[in-house]
Amino acid sequence: MAEGVKRRKSAEAICRDFVRAVSWEIVRAATVSHEETVGRLRNLGKFYVKQLEGHPKLALEMRRRIAEQLLEQAIFRRSSLSVCRARLNAASRLGFADVERKAHCHMLYALGASARGNKRVAKKIAAEIANDLEQSLKKREGLLARDCLAHARRFLKFINSESNVMNRTSEHA
């Protein structure tokens, strides 16, 4: 190779490096502030997306993964429900690779809403994603979609039974 000529990394190598870097940041997130994690994830996204100028589909997938990680971090770090909703909306605007990724993100949000005491939002989101999964399964069979649907239904059953217990408890008070 001639001096001064740089070889470009393959898209596959860039994607591999991206996965390693994001994985490291997720592991590291437990030891640093939420703000630092968010900043580092955003910077990683910009850095790697820039390297994929000739590969718009891969670049979009990287932006999606960063948006999904930002949502997960907001939920796990117990950010307010409005912050979590903004992260879900940002991920939704980028679209999801498939209905299973959509289900994953929406069910995390529903779980976060439930954990923050907003059962109505949790139930609404879980019911919507269960409906999306049912519609998807009518068009194409998928083991992961079927599994996601089973989880959504169990979550809805849990939310309904929990609210029934709360209603009975308040009636006796």
N, C-alpha and C. Protein backbone atom coordinates (compact mmCIF):
# COMPACT_ATOMS: atom_id res chain seq x y z
N MET A 1 0.86 -1.17 0.00
CA MET A 1 0.00 0.00 0.00
C MET A 1 0.90 1.23 0.00
N ALA A 2 0.54 2.20 -0.81
CA ALA A 2 1.33 3.42 -0.93
C ALA A 2 1.24 4.23 0.35
N GLU A 3 2.33 4.98 0.63
CA GLU A 3 2.34 5.82 1.82
C GLU A 3 1.27 6.89 1.73
N GLY A 4 0.64 7.20 2.85
CA GLY A 4 -0.37 8.25 2.89
C GLY A 4 -1.75 7.80 2.44
N VAL A 5 -1.87 6.58 1.91
CA VAL A 5 -3.17 6.08 1.47
C VAL A 5 -3.76 5.23 2.59
N LYS A 6 -4.92 5.61 3.04
CA LYS A 6 -5.58 4.87 4.11
C LYS A 6 -6.58 3.90 3.52
N ARG A 7 -6.58 2.69 4.04
CA ARG A 7 -7.61 1.73 3.64
C ARG A 7 -8.84 1.96 4.47
N ARG A 8 -9.98 1.93 3.82
CA ARG A 8 -11.24 2.09 4.54
C ARG A 8 -11.66 0.76 5.14
N LYS A 9 -12.21 0.83 6.31
CA LYS A 9 -12.74 -0.38 6.95
C LYS A 9 -13.98 -0.83 6.20
N SER A 10 -14.20 -2.12 6.19
CA SER A 10 -15.42 -2.64 5.58
C SER A 10 -16.61 -2.30 6.48
N ALA A 11 -17.78 -2.25 5.91
CA ALA A 11 -18.99 -1.97 6.67
C ALA A 11 -19.17 -3.02 7.76
N GLU A 12 -18.81 -4.26 7.45
CA GLU A 12 -18.93 -5.34 8.44
C GLU A 12 -18.02 -5.08 9.63
N ALA A 13 -16.81 -4.64 9.38
CA ALA A 13 -15.86 -4.35 10.47
C ALA A 13 -16.35 -3.15 11.30
N ILE A 14 -16.90 -2.16 10.64
CA ILE A 14 -17.43 -0.99 11.35
C ILE A 14 -18.58 -1.41 12.26
N CYS A 15 -19.46 -2.25 11.75
CA CYS A 15 -20.60 -2.74 12.55
C CYS A 15 -20.12 -3.56 13.74
N ARG A 16 -19.12 -4.39 13.53
CA ARG A 16 -18.56 -5.18 14.63
C ARG A 16 -17.99 -4.26 15.71
N ASP A 17 -17.23 -3.25 15.28
CA ASP A 17 -16.66 -2.29 16.23
C ASP A 17 -17.76 -1.53 16.98
N PHE A 18 -18.83 -1.17 16.26
CA PHE A 18 -19.96 -0.47 16.87
C PHE A 18 -20.58 -1.32 17.97
N VAL A 19 -20.83 -2.59 17.68
CA VAL A 19 -21.44 -3.48 18.67
C VAL A 19 -20.56 -3.59 19.91
N ARG A 20 -19.26 -3.75 19.71
CA ARG A 20 -18.34 -3.83 20.85
C ARG A 20 -18.36 -2.54 21.67
N ALA A 21 -18.32 -1.42 20.99
CA ALA A 21 -18.29 -0.13 21.69
C ALA A 21 -19.58 0.11 22.47
N VAL A 22 -20.73 -0.17 21.87
CA VAL A 22 -22.01 0.02 22.56
C VAL A 22 -22.11 -0.95 23.74
N SER A 23 -21.70 -2.18 23.53
CA SER A 23 -21.73 -3.17 24.61
C SER A 23 -20.89 -2.69 25.79
N TRP A 24 -19.72 -2.16 25.49
CA TRP A 24 -18.85 -1.66 26.56
C TRP A 24 -19.53 -0.50 27.30
N GLU A 25 -20.17 0.39 26.59
CA GLU A 25 -20.85 1.52 27.23
C GLU A 25 -22.00 1.05 28.11
N ILE A 26 -22.68 0.01 27.70
CA ILE A 26 -23.79 -0.51 28.50
C ILE A 26 -23.25 -1.12 29.79
N VAL A 27 -22.16 -1.85 29.69
CA VAL A 27 -21.54 -2.41 30.89
C VAL A 27 -21.06 -1.29 31.80
N ARG A 28 -20.45 -0.30 31.21
CA ARG A 28 -19.88 0.84 31.93
C ARG A 28 -20.97 1.71 32.56
N ALA A 29 -22.18 1.68 32.03
CA ALA A 29 -23.26 2.56 32.48
C ALA A 29 -23.55 2.41 33.98
N ALA A 30 -23.30 1.25 34.52
CA ALA A 30 -23.58 1.03 35.95
C ALA A 30 -22.65 1.82 36.85
N THR A 31 -21.53 2.30 36.30
CA THR A 31 -20.53 2.95 37.14
C THR A 31 -20.40 4.45 36.88
N VAL A 32 -21.18 4.98 35.93
CA VAL A 32 -21.10 6.41 35.61
C VAL A 32 -22.49 7.02 35.65
N SER A 33 -22.55 8.33 35.56
CA SER A 33 -23.85 9.01 35.60
C SER A 33 -24.66 8.71 34.35
N HIS A 34 -25.96 8.90 34.49
CA HIS A 34 -26.87 8.71 33.35
C HIS A 34 -26.51 9.68 32.23
N GLU A 35 -26.23 10.93 32.60
CA GLU A 35 -25.89 11.95 31.60
C GLU A 35 -24.65 11.56 30.81
N GLU A 36 -23.66 11.02 31.50
CA GLU A 36 -22.43 10.60 30.81
C GLU A 36 -22.72 9.44 29.85
N THR A 37 -23.51 8.50 30.29
CA THR A 37 -23.86 7.37 29.43
C THR A 37 -24.60 7.85 28.19
N VAL A 38 -25.58 8.74 28.37
CA VAL A 38 -26.34 9.27 27.24
C VAL A 38 -25.41 9.98 26.26
N GLY A 39 -24.53 10.82 26.78
CA GLY A 39 -23.60 11.55 25.92
C GLY A 39 -22.67 10.63 25.15
N ARG A 40 -22.16 9.63 25.84
CA ARG A 40 -21.23 8.70 25.19
C ARG A 40 -21.94 7.86 24.13
N LEU A 41 -23.17 7.41 24.42
CA LEU A 41 -23.92 6.65 23.41
C LEU A 41 -24.21 7.51 22.18
N ARG A 42 -24.62 8.74 22.40
CA ARG A 42 -24.87 9.64 21.26
C ARG A 42 -23.61 9.87 20.44
N ASN A 43 -22.50 10.09 21.12
CA ASN A 43 -21.24 10.30 20.40
C ASN A 43 -20.82 9.06 19.62
N LEU A 44 -21.02 7.90 20.22
CA LEU A 44 -20.71 6.65 19.50
C LEU A 44 -21.56 6.54 18.24
N GLY A 45 -22.85 6.84 18.38
CA GLY A 45 -23.73 6.79 17.23
C GLY A 45 -23.24 7.70 16.11
N LYS A 46 -22.93 8.94 16.45
CA LYS A 46 -22.44 9.89 15.44
C LYS A 46 -21.15 9.40 14.79
N PHE A 47 -20.23 8.91 15.61
CA PHE A 47 -18.93 8.46 15.12
C PHE A 47 -19.08 7.31 14.12
N TYR A 48 -19.87 6.32 14.47
CA TYR A 48 -19.99 5.14 13.59
C TYR A 48 -20.90 5.38 12.40
N VAL A 49 -21.96 6.15 12.57
CA VAL A 49 -22.84 6.45 11.45
C VAL A 49 -22.07 7.22 10.38
N LYS A 50 -21.22 8.12 10.81
CA LYS A 50 -20.41 8.91 9.86
C LYS A 50 -19.53 8.00 8.99
N GLN A 51 -19.07 6.91 9.56
CA GLN A 51 -18.22 5.97 8.82
C GLN A 51 -19.01 5.15 7.80
N LEU A 52 -20.32 5.16 7.91
CA LEU A 52 -21.16 4.35 7.02
C LEU A 52 -21.90 5.20 5.99
N GLU A 53 -21.25 6.24 5.50
CA GLU A 53 -21.89 7.15 4.54
C GLU A 53 -22.46 6.42 3.33
N GLY A 54 -21.77 5.42 2.83
CA GLY A 54 -22.23 4.69 1.65
C GLY A 54 -23.20 3.56 1.95
N HIS A 55 -23.62 3.44 3.19
CA HIS A 55 -24.48 2.33 3.61
C HIS A 55 -25.65 2.88 4.44
N PRO A 56 -26.63 3.52 3.79
CA PRO A 56 -27.71 4.16 4.55
C PRO A 56 -28.54 3.21 5.40
N LYS A 57 -28.74 1.98 4.95
CA LYS A 57 -29.54 1.03 5.74
C LYS A 57 -28.82 0.65 7.03
N LEU A 58 -27.51 0.42 6.93
CA LEU A 58 -26.73 0.10 8.13
C LEU A 58 -26.66 1.29 9.07
N ALA A 59 -26.51 2.48 8.50
CA ALA A 59 -26.47 3.70 9.33
C ALA A 59 -27.79 3.87 10.08
N LEU A 60 -28.91 3.64 9.39
CA LEU A 60 -30.22 3.74 10.04
C LEU A 60 -30.33 2.72 11.17
N GLU A 61 -29.86 1.52 10.93
CA GLU A 61 -29.92 0.49 11.97
C GLU A 61 -29.09 0.88 13.19
N MET A 62 -27.95 1.52 12.96
CA MET A 62 -27.14 2.00 14.09
C MET A 62 -27.87 3.10 14.86
N ARG A 63 -28.50 4.02 14.15
CA ARG A 63 -29.26 5.06 14.83
C ARG A 63 -30.40 4.45 15.64
N ARG A 64 -31.03 3.40 15.08
CA ARG A 64 -32.10 2.71 15.81
C ARG A 64 -31.57 2.09 17.10
N ARG A 65 -30.44 1.43 17.01
CA ARG A 65 -29.87 0.76 18.19
C ARG A 65 -29.51 1.77 19.28
N ILE A 66 -28.98 2.91 18.87
CA ILE A 66 -28.66 3.95 19.86
C ILE A 66 -29.95 4.45 20.50
N ALA A 67 -30.97 4.72 19.70
CA ALA A 67 -32.25 5.20 20.24
C ALA A 67 -32.85 4.17 21.21
N GLU A 68 -32.75 2.89 20.86
CA GLU A 68 -33.27 1.84 21.74
C GLU A 68 -32.48 1.78 23.05
N GLN A 69 -31.16 1.94 22.96
CA GLN A 69 -30.34 1.92 24.17
C GLN A 69 -30.64 3.13 25.06
N LEU A 70 -30.88 4.29 24.44
CA LEU A 70 -31.24 5.48 25.22
C LEU A 70 -32.57 5.27 25.94
N LEU A 71 -33.52 4.60 25.28
CA LEU A 71 -34.78 4.26 25.93
C LEU A 71 -34.55 3.33 27.11
N GLU A 72 -33.78 2.28 26.88
CA GLU A 72 -33.51 1.33 27.97
C GLU A 72 -32.83 2.01 29.15
N GLN A 73 -31.85 2.84 28.87
CA GLN A 73 -31.15 3.53 29.95
C GLN A 73 -32.10 4.44 30.73
N ALA A 74 -32.99 5.14 30.03
CA ALA A 74 -33.95 6.02 30.72
C ALA A 74 -34.86 5.20 31.63
N ILE A 75 -35.29 4.05 31.15
CA ILE A 75 -36.17 3.20 31.96
C ILE A 75 -35.41 2.62 33.15
N PHE A 76 -34.23 2.06 32.89
CA PHE A 76 -33.47 1.42 33.96
C PHE A 76 -32.95 2.41 34.99
N ARG A 77 -32.71 3.64 34.57
CA ARG A 77 -32.21 4.68 35.49
C ARG A 77 -33.35 5.42 36.16
N ARG A 78 -34.57 4.95 35.94
CA ARG A 78 -35.77 5.50 36.57
C ARG A 78 -35.99 6.98 36.24
N SER A 79 -35.74 7.34 34.99
CA SER A 79 -36.06 8.69 34.54
C SER A 79 -37.58 8.86 34.58
N SER A 80 -38.03 10.09 34.53
CA SER A 80 -39.47 10.35 34.57
C SER A 80 -40.15 9.68 33.38
N LEU A 81 -41.44 9.44 33.52
CA LEU A 81 -42.19 8.81 32.44
C LEU A 81 -42.19 9.69 31.19
N SER A 82 -42.17 11.00 31.35
CA SER A 82 -42.14 11.88 30.17
C SER A 82 -40.82 11.75 29.42
N VAL A 83 -39.72 11.57 30.13
CA VAL A 83 -38.43 11.36 29.47
C VAL A 83 -38.44 10.01 28.75
N CYS A 84 -38.96 8.99 29.41
CA CYS A 84 -39.06 7.67 28.78
C CYS A 84 -39.94 7.72 27.53
N ARG A 85 -41.03 8.45 27.62
CA ARG A 85 -41.94 8.59 26.47
C ARG A 85 -41.23 9.29 25.31
N ALA A 86 -40.45 10.32 25.61
CA ALA A 86 -39.70 11.03 24.57
C ALA A 86 -38.70 10.09 23.90
N ARG A 87 -38.07 9.23 24.70
CA ARG A 87 -37.11 8.26 24.14
C ARG A 87 -37.83 7.23 23.27
N LEU A 88 -39.01 6.78 23.72
CA LEU A 88 -39.79 5.84 22.91
C LEU A 88 -40.22 6.49 21.60
N ASN A 89 -40.65 7.74 21.67
CA ASN A 89 -41.05 8.46 20.46
C ASN A 89 -39.88 8.63 19.50
N ALA A 90 -38.70 8.92 20.03
CA ALA A 90 -37.51 9.07 19.18
C ALA A 90 -37.19 7.75 18.48
N ALA A 91 -37.27 6.65 19.21
CA ALA A 91 -37.02 5.33 18.60
C ALA A 91 -38.09 5.02 17.56
N SER A 92 -39.33 5.36 17.87
CA SER A 92 -40.44 5.09 16.94
C SER A 92 -40.31 5.88 15.65
N ARG A 93 -39.84 7.12 15.75
CA ARG A 93 -39.66 7.94 14.55
C ARG A 93 -38.65 7.31 13.59
N LEU A 94 -37.66 6.61 14.11
CA LEU A 94 -36.68 5.94 13.26
C LEU A 94 -37.25 4.65 12.68
N GLY A 95 -38.32 4.17 13.25
CA GLY A 95 -38.92 2.92 12.81
C GLY A 95 -38.21 1.75 13.47
N PHE A 96 -38.81 0.60 13.34
CA PHE A 96 -38.24 -0.60 13.93
C PHE A 96 -37.95 -1.60 12.81
N ALA A 97 -36.90 -2.37 12.98
CA ALA A 97 -36.51 -3.34 11.95
C ALA A 97 -37.61 -4.37 11.74
N ASP A 98 -38.33 -4.70 12.81
CA ASP A 98 -39.41 -5.69 12.71
C ASP A 98 -40.35 -5.50 13.89
N VAL A 99 -41.45 -6.21 13.86
CA VAL A 99 -42.47 -6.06 14.90
C VAL A 99 -41.94 -6.55 16.26
N GLU A 100 -40.99 -7.48 16.25
CA GLU A 100 -40.44 -7.97 17.51
C GLU A 100 -39.60 -6.89 18.21
N ARG A 101 -38.81 -6.11 17.44
CA ARG A 101 -38.04 -5.01 18.04
C ARG A 101 -39.00 -3.96 18.59
N LYS A 102 -40.05 -3.69 17.83
CA LYS A 102 -41.07 -2.73 18.28
C LYS A 102 -41.69 -3.22 19.59
N ALA A 103 -42.02 -4.50 19.63
CA ALA A 103 -42.63 -5.07 20.84
C ALA A 103 -41.67 -4.95 22.02
N HIS A 104 -40.40 -5.23 21.79
CA HIS A 104 -39.40 -5.15 22.86
C HIS A 104 -39.39 -3.74 23.47
N CYS A 105 -39.29 -2.74 22.62
CA CYS A 105 -39.21 -1.36 23.11
C CYS A 105 -40.50 -0.92 23.79
N HIS A 106 -41.63 -1.24 23.19
CA HIS A 106 -42.90 -0.83 23.77
C HIS A 106 -43.18 -1.56 25.08
N MET A 107 -42.82 -2.82 25.17
CA MET A 107 -43.05 -3.56 26.42
C MET A 107 -42.12 -3.04 27.52
N LEU A 108 -40.90 -2.64 27.17
CA LEU A 108 -40.02 -2.03 28.18
C LEU A 108 -40.65 -0.74 28.71
N TYR A 109 -41.19 0.05 27.79
CA TYR A 109 -41.85 1.28 28.19
C TYR A 109 -43.06 0.98 29.09
N ALA A 110 -43.85 -0.02 28.71
CA ALA A 110 -45.02 -0.40 29.51
C ALA A 110 -44.58 -0.84 30.91
N LEU A 111 -43.51 -1.60 30.97
CA LEU A 111 -42.98 -2.05 32.26
C LEU A 111 -42.52 -0.85 33.08
N GLY A 112 -41.85 0.10 32.42
CA GLY A 112 -41.41 1.31 33.10
C GLY A 112 -42.58 2.12 33.61
N ALA A 113 -43.63 2.23 32.81
CA ALA A 113 -44.83 2.97 33.23
C ALA A 113 -45.46 2.29 34.43
N SER A 114 -45.55 0.97 34.40
CA SER A 114 -46.11 0.22 35.51
C SER A 114 -45.29 0.42 36.78
N ALA A 115 -43.98 0.35 36.64
CA ALA A 115 -43.09 0.52 37.80
C ALA A 115 -43.20 1.92 38.40
N ARG A 116 -43.58 2.89 37.59
CA ARG A 116 -43.73 4.26 38.06
C ARG A 116 -45.17 4.55 38.51
N GLY A 117 -46.00 3.50 38.56
CA GLY A 117 -47.35 3.63 39.07
C GLY A 117 -48.40 4.01 38.05
N ASN A 118 -48.03 4.08 36.78
CA ASN A 118 -49.00 4.46 35.76
C ASN A 118 -49.52 3.21 35.05
N LYS A 119 -50.41 2.51 35.71
CA LYS A 119 -50.94 1.24 35.19
C LYS A 119 -51.78 1.44 33.94
N ARG A 120 -52.49 2.57 33.86
CA ARG A 120 -53.33 2.84 32.69
C ARG A 120 -52.49 2.92 31.42
N VAL A 121 -51.38 3.65 31.47
CA VAL A 121 -50.49 3.76 30.32
C VAL A 121 -49.88 2.40 30.00
N ALA A 122 -49.44 1.69 31.03
CA ALA A 122 -48.84 0.37 30.84
C ALA A 122 -49.81 -0.57 30.13
N LYS A 123 -51.05 -0.57 30.58
CA LYS A 123 -52.07 -1.44 30.00
C LYS A 123 -52.35 -1.05 28.55
N LYS A 124 -52.45 0.24 28.28
CA LYS A 124 -52.74 0.72 26.93
C LYS A 124 -51.61 0.32 25.96
N ILE A 125 -50.38 0.55 26.34
CA ILE A 125 -49.23 0.23 25.47
C ILE A 125 -49.15 -1.28 25.24
N ALA A 126 -49.30 -2.06 26.31
CA ALA A 126 -49.22 -3.53 26.18
C ALA A 126 -50.35 -4.06 25.29
N ALA A 127 -51.54 -3.51 25.43
CA ALA A 127 -52.67 -3.95 24.60
C ALA A 127 -52.43 -3.60 23.13
N GLU A 128 -51.90 -2.42 22.88
CA GLU A 128 -51.61 -2.00 21.50
C GLU A 128 -50.56 -2.92 20.86
N ILE A 129 -49.51 -3.23 21.61
CA ILE A 129 -48.45 -4.06 21.02
C ILE A 129 -48.93 -5.50 20.87
N ALA A 130 -49.78 -5.97 21.77
CA ALA A 130 -50.35 -7.31 21.62
C ALA A 130 -51.18 -7.38 20.34
N ASN A 131 -51.94 -6.33 20.07
CA ASN A 131 -52.73 -6.26 18.85
C ASN A 131 -51.81 -6.25 17.62
N ASP A 132 -50.75 -5.46 17.65
CA ASP A 132 -49.80 -5.43 16.52
C ASP A 132 -49.20 -6.81 16.27
N LEU A 133 -48.84 -7.49 17.35
CA LEU A 133 -48.26 -8.83 17.21
C LEU A 133 -49.28 -9.82 16.64
N GLU A 134 -50.52 -9.74 17.12
CA GLU A 134 -51.57 -10.62 16.58
C GLU A 134 -51.75 -10.39 15.08
N GLN A 135 -51.78 -9.14 14.66
CA GLN A 135 -51.93 -8.82 13.24
C GLN A 135 -50.74 -9.34 12.44
N SER A 136 -49.55 -9.19 12.98
CA SER A 136 -48.34 -9.66 12.30
C SER A 136 -48.35 -11.18 12.14
N LEU A 137 -48.81 -11.88 13.18
CA LEU A 137 -48.84 -13.34 13.13
C LEU A 137 -49.87 -13.86 12.15
N LYS A 138 -50.88 -13.06 11.84
CA LYS A 138 -51.85 -13.46 10.81
C LYS A 138 -51.21 -13.45 9.43
N LYS A 139 -50.21 -12.57 9.24
CA LYS A 139 -49.54 -12.43 7.95
C LYS A 139 -48.38 -13.39 7.79
N ARG A 140 -47.62 -13.58 8.87
CA ARG A 140 -46.46 -14.46 8.81
C ARG A 140 -46.22 -15.10 10.17
N GLU A 141 -45.84 -16.35 10.15
CA GLU A 141 -45.57 -17.06 11.39
C GLU A 141 -44.17 -16.68 11.87
N GLY A 142 -44.04 -16.50 13.16
CA GLY A 142 -42.74 -16.18 13.73
C GLY A 142 -42.69 -16.62 15.18
N LEU A 143 -41.68 -17.40 15.52
CA LEU A 143 -41.57 -17.88 16.89
C LEU A 143 -41.33 -16.74 17.87
N LEU A 144 -40.47 -15.79 17.48
CA LEU A 144 -40.19 -14.68 18.37
C LEU A 144 -41.43 -13.80 18.56
N ALA A 145 -42.17 -13.56 17.49
CA ALA A 145 -43.40 -12.77 17.59
C ALA A 145 -44.41 -13.48 18.48
N ARG A 146 -44.51 -14.79 18.34
CA ARG A 146 -45.44 -15.56 19.17
C ARG A 146 -45.01 -15.47 20.65
N ASP A 147 -43.72 -15.55 20.90
CA ASP A 147 -43.20 -15.44 22.26
C ASP A 147 -43.46 -14.04 22.83
N CYS A 148 -43.22 -13.02 22.03
CA CYS A 148 -43.48 -11.63 22.46
C CYS A 148 -44.96 -11.45 22.79
N LEU A 149 -45.84 -12.03 21.98
CA LEU A 149 -47.27 -11.93 22.22
C LEU A 149 -47.64 -12.61 23.54
N ALA A 150 -47.05 -13.76 23.80
CA ALA A 150 -47.32 -14.46 25.07
C ALA A 150 -46.89 -13.59 26.26
N HIS A 151 -45.73 -12.94 26.14
CA HIS A 151 -45.26 -12.06 27.22
C HIS A 151 -46.20 -10.86 27.39
N ALA A 152 -46.64 -10.28 26.29
CA ALA A 152 -47.56 -9.13 26.36
C ALA A 152 -48.87 -9.54 27.04
N ARG A 153 -49.37 -10.71 26.68
CA ARG A 153 -50.62 -11.18 27.29
C ARG A 153 -50.45 -11.45 28.78
N ARG A 154 -49.31 -12.05 29.17
CA ARG A 154 -49.06 -12.29 30.59
C ARG A 154 -48.97 -10.97 31.35
N PHE A 155 -48.32 -9.99 30.74
CA PHE A 155 -48.20 -8.67 31.36
C PHE A 155 -49.59 -8.04 31.54
N LEU A 156 -50.41 -8.13 30.51
CA LEU A 156 -51.77 -7.58 30.61
C LEU A 156 -52.57 -8.29 31.71
N LYS A 157 -52.43 -9.60 31.78
CA LYS A 157 -53.12 -10.37 32.82
C LYS A 157 -52.65 -9.92 34.21
N PHE A 158 -51.35 -9.71 34.34
CA PHE A 158 -50.78 -9.25 35.61
C PHE A 158 -51.33 -7.86 35.97
N ILE A 159 -51.31 -6.94 35.01
CA ILE A 159 -51.81 -5.58 35.25
C ILE A 159 -53.29 -5.63 35.65
N ASN A 160 -54.08 -6.44 34.95
CA ASN A 160 -55.51 -6.55 35.25
C ASN A 160 -55.73 -7.14 36.63
N SER A 161 -54.99 -8.19 36.99
CA SER A 161 -55.18 -8.81 38.30
C SER A 161 -54.71 -7.86 39.40
N GLU A 162 -53.65 -7.12 39.14
CA GLU A 162 -53.15 -6.16 40.12
C GLU A 162 -54.17 -5.06 40.37
N SER A 163 -54.80 -4.56 39.29
CA SER A 163 -55.79 -3.49 39.47
C SER A 163 -57.06 -4.04 40.14
N ASN A 164 -57.40 -5.30 39.90
CA ASN A 164 -58.55 -5.91 40.59
C ASN A 164 -58.29 -6.01 42.09
N VAL A 165 -57.07 -6.38 42.46
CA VAL A 165 -56.72 -6.47 43.88
C VAL A 165 -56.80 -5.09 44.51
N MET A 166 -56.29 -4.08 43.80
CA MET A 166 -56.32 -2.71 44.32
C MET A 166 -57.78 -2.24 44.49
N ASN A 167 -58.64 -2.57 43.54
CA ASN A 167 -60.05 -2.16 43.64
C ASN A 167 -60.73 -2.82 44.83
N ARG A 168 -60.47 -4.13 45.04
CA ARG A 168 -61.09 -4.83 46.16
C ARG A 168 -60.57 -4.29 47.49
N THR A 169 -59.28 -3.96 47.54
CA THR A 169 -58.70 -3.42 48.78
C THR A 169 -59.30 -2.08 49.12
N SER A 170 -59.49 -1.21 48.12
CA SER A 170 -60.07 0.12 48.38
C SER A 170 -61.55 0.03 48.75
N GLU A 171 -62.26 -1.01 48.30
CA GLU A 171 -63.67 -1.18 48.64
C GLU A 171 -63.82 -1.52 50.12
N HIS A 172 -62.86 -2.25 50.66
CA HIS A 172 -62.95 -2.68 52.05
C HIS A 172 -62.40 -1.64 53.02
N ALA A 173 -61.79 -0.61 52.51
CA ALA A 173 -61.17 0.40 53.40
C ALA A 173 -62.19 1.37 53.94
